[in-house]
Amino acid sequence: MRAKTFDGKFDAGEKVTDQLELSKARRINTPVRWTVRVSKDTDAAVRSFLARRGMKKGDLAKFVEEAVRWRVLDQTLAQIKTRNVKSGGRADRRRLS
């Protein structure tokens, strides 16, 4: 179903959950492998930080994922704030639930 069609049905109060493709949604939390390069100073700082808090080597991936999520959230909020300032503070009236 196209997004506009879905939005129209959703806004009209129709039941749309049975029309969602959920087989792909189950793969959201499937881990992927990244290769990331950081400076030696950053590596040492992060590993020391984790060690002081009793975290093990395997916790590095969890730490990086959480840091990335926070950074994405921070950037998204900054974009929204900028957009709102440019729009004169007018609220977006679309239903978000």
Foldseek 3Di string as FASTA:
>chain_A
DDPVVLLVCVVVVHDCPVVDDCVVVVCPPPDDDDDDDDDPVVVVVVVVVCVVVVHDPVCVVVVVVVVVVVVVVVVVVVVVVVVCVVVVNDDDPRDDD
